[in-house]
Amino acid sequence: MADGPTDEDLAWLVQKGDQQALSALMDRYTGKLLRYGGRFLASNDGIADVVQNVFVSAYENIRSNGNKIFRTLMRLGGSLPGYTV
């Protein structure tokens, strides 16, 4: 049995304006995206900037992609190789 709300539950709450749900999603995925970015970017600051941009893009698109937040984050994170820092 999973602990806490699912990604979909959190995304629904974010759509309703719940900032704590947004923080929970960011906490859940920041480390994963930072590690993923480290495979493509040499600069820790650059990786953090790109991850921040991923979250901004996900937040801006949460209304249309709320139920697919993980896939959206990973798809946006997949654009990391295109960045040069």
C-alpha atoms as a PDB file:
ATOM      1  CA  MET A   1       0.000   0.000   0.000  1.00  0.00           C
ATOM      2  CA  ALA A   2       1.393   3.404  -0.992  1.00  0.00           C
ATOM      3  CA  ASP A   3       2.009   6.095   1.591  1.00  0.00           C
ATOM      4  CA  GLY A   4       0.433   9.469   0.952  1.00  0.00           C
ATOM      5  CA  PRO A   5      -1.381  10.826  -2.062  1.00  0.00           C
ATOM      6  CA  THR A   6      -0.685   9.677  -5.601  1.00  0.00           C
ATOM      7  CA  ASP A   7       0.800  11.957  -8.243  1.00  0.00           C
ATOM      8  CA  GLU A   8      -2.651  12.223  -9.770  1.00  0.00           C
ATOM      9  CA  ASP A   9      -4.171  13.272  -6.431  1.00  0.00           C
ATOM     10  CA  LEU A  10      -1.500  15.913  -5.965  1.00  0.00           C
ATOM     11  CA  ALA A  11      -1.897  17.186  -9.535  1.00  0.00           C
ATOM     12  CA  TRP A  12      -5.648  17.539  -9.002  1.00  0.00           C
ATOM     13  CA  LEU A  13      -4.993  19.541  -5.840  1.00  0.00           C
ATOM     14  CA  VAL A  14      -2.472  21.748  -7.661  1.00  0.00           C
ATOM     15  CA  GLN A  15      -5.108  22.402 -10.323  1.00  0.00           C
ATOM     16  CA  LYS A  16      -7.330  23.645  -7.482  1.00  0.00           C
ATOM     17  CA  GLY A  17      -4.589  26.004  -6.269  1.00  0.00           C
ATOM     18  CA  ASP A  18      -3.101  23.934  -3.427  1.00  0.00           C
ATOM     19  CA  GLN A  19       0.490  25.148  -3.016  1.00  0.00           C
ATOM     20  CA  GLN A  20       1.325  22.374  -0.514  1.00  0.00           C
ATOM     21  CA  ALA A  21       0.465  19.803  -3.176  1.00  0.00           C
ATOM     22  CA  LEU A  22       2.804  21.586  -5.588  1.00  0.00           C
ATOM     23  CA  SER A  23       5.567  21.481  -2.972  1.00  0.00           C
ATOM     24  CA  ALA A  24       4.925  17.764  -2.438  1.00  0.00           C
ATOM     25  CA  LEU A  25       5.262  17.061  -6.171  1.00  0.00           C
ATOM     26  CA  MET A  26       8.430  19.120  -6.346  1.00  0.00           C
ATOM     27  CA  ASP A  27       9.855  17.281  -3.326  1.00  0.00           C
ATOM     28  CA  ARG A  28       8.946  13.974  -4.937  1.00  0.00           C
ATOM     29  CA  TYR A  29      10.650  14.678  -8.280  1.00  0.00           C
ATOM     30  CA  THR A  30      13.429  17.207  -7.700  1.00  0.00           C
ATOM     31  CA  GLY A  31      16.042  14.624  -6.752  1.00  0.00           C
ATOM     32  CA  LYS A  32      15.154  12.343  -9.661  1.00  0.00           C
ATOM     33  CA  LEU A  33      15.356  15.194 -12.159  1.00  0.00           C
ATOM     34  CA  LEU A  34      18.624  16.487 -10.680  1.00  0.00           C
ATOM     35  CA  ARG A  35      20.183  13.030 -11.006  1.00  0.00           C
ATOM     36  CA  TYR A  36      18.851  12.681 -14.540  1.00  0.00           C
ATOM     37  CA  GLY A  37      20.173  16.115 -15.465  1.00  0.00           C
ATOM     38  CA  GLY A  38      23.569  15.201 -14.073  1.00  0.00           C
ATOM     39  CA  ARG A  39      23.926  12.653 -16.853  1.00  0.00           C
ATOM     40  CA  PHE A  40      23.829  15.442 -19.445  1.00  0.00           C
ATOM     41  CA  LEU A  41      25.018  18.653 -17.808  1.00  0.00           C
ATOM     42  CA  ALA A  42      28.299  19.323 -16.015  1.00  0.00           C
ATOM     43  CA  SER A  43      27.287  22.359 -13.985  1.00  0.00           C
ATOM     44  CA  ASN A  44      25.250  21.805 -10.793  1.00  0.00           C
ATOM     45  CA  ASP A  45      23.877  25.338 -11.117  1.00  0.00           C
ATOM     46  CA  GLY A  46      22.918  24.625 -14.721  1.00  0.00           C
ATOM     47  CA  ILE A  47      21.165  21.417 -13.740  1.00  0.00           C
ATOM     48  CA  ALA A  48      19.221  23.225 -11.009  1.00  0.00           C
ATOM     49  CA  ASP A  49      18.191  25.947 -13.469  1.00  0.00           C
ATOM     50  CA  VAL A  50      16.943  23.404 -15.980  1.00  0.00           C
ATOM     51  CA  VAL A  51      15.037  21.459 -13.310  1.00  0.00           C
ATOM     52  CA  GLN A  52      13.423  24.696 -12.176  1.00  0.00           C
ATOM     53  CA  ASN A  53      12.376  25.351 -15.787  1.00  0.00           C
ATOM     54  CA  VAL A  54      10.923  21.842 -15.969  1.00  0.00           C
ATOM     55  CA  PHE A  55       8.762  22.546 -12.922  1.00  0.00           C
ATOM     56  CA  VAL A  56       7.666  25.919 -14.284  1.00  0.00           C
ATOM     57  CA  SER A  57       6.639  24.271 -17.561  1.00  0.00           C
ATOM     58  CA  ALA A  58       4.828  21.483 -15.736  1.00  0.00           C
ATOM     59  CA  TYR A  59       2.998  24.008 -13.541  1.00  0.00           C
ATOM     60  CA  GLU A  60       1.993  26.109 -16.543  1.00  0.00           C
ATOM     61  CA  ASN A  61       0.587  22.997 -18.237  1.00  0.00           C
ATOM     62  CA  ILE A  62      -0.935  21.241 -15.234  1.00  0.00           C
ATOM     63  CA  ARG A  63      -4.512  21.925 -16.317  1.00  0.00           C
ATOM     64  CA  SER A  64      -4.105  19.875 -19.477  1.00  0.00           C
ATOM     65  CA  ASN A  65      -1.633  17.320 -18.076  1.00  0.00           C
ATOM     66  CA  GLY A  66      -2.694  17.025 -14.441  1.00  0.00           C
ATOM     67  CA  ASN A  67      -3.367  13.293 -14.528  1.00  0.00           C
ATOM     68  CA  LYS A  68      -0.092  12.623 -16.294  1.00  0.00           C
ATOM     69  CA  ILE A  69       2.217  14.674 -14.094  1.00  0.00           C
ATOM     70  CA  PHE A  70       4.965  12.044 -13.879  1.00  0.00           C
ATOM     71  CA  ARG A  71       5.061  11.492 -17.618  1.00  0.00           C
ATOM     72  CA  THR A  72       4.969  15.233 -18.209  1.00  0.00           C
ATOM     73  CA  LEU A  73       7.885  15.830 -15.853  1.00  0.00           C
ATOM     74  CA  MET A  74       9.905  13.039 -17.402  1.00  0.00           C
ATOM     75  CA  ARG A  75       9.090  14.244 -20.931  1.00  0.00           C
ATOM     76  CA  LEU A  76      10.122  17.774 -20.009  1.00  0.00           C
ATOM     77  CA  GLY A  77      13.142  16.381 -18.197  1.00  0.00           C
ATOM     78  CA  GLY A  78      13.965  14.517 -21.381  1.00  0.00           C
ATOM     79  CA  SER A  79      14.726  17.845 -22.981  1.00  0.00           C
ATOM     80  CA  LEU A  80      17.748  18.184 -20.687  1.00  0.00           C
ATOM     81  CA  PRO A  81      20.193  16.823 -23.291  1.00  0.00           C
ATOM     82  CA  GLY A  82      19.263  19.777 -25.516  1.00  0.00           C
ATOM     83  CA  TYR A  83      20.582  22.301 -22.970  1.00  0.00           C
ATOM     84  CA  THR A  84      24.180  23.377 -22.859  1.00  0.00           C
ATOM     85  CA  VAL A  85      25.527  24.890 -19.682  1.00  0.00           C
END
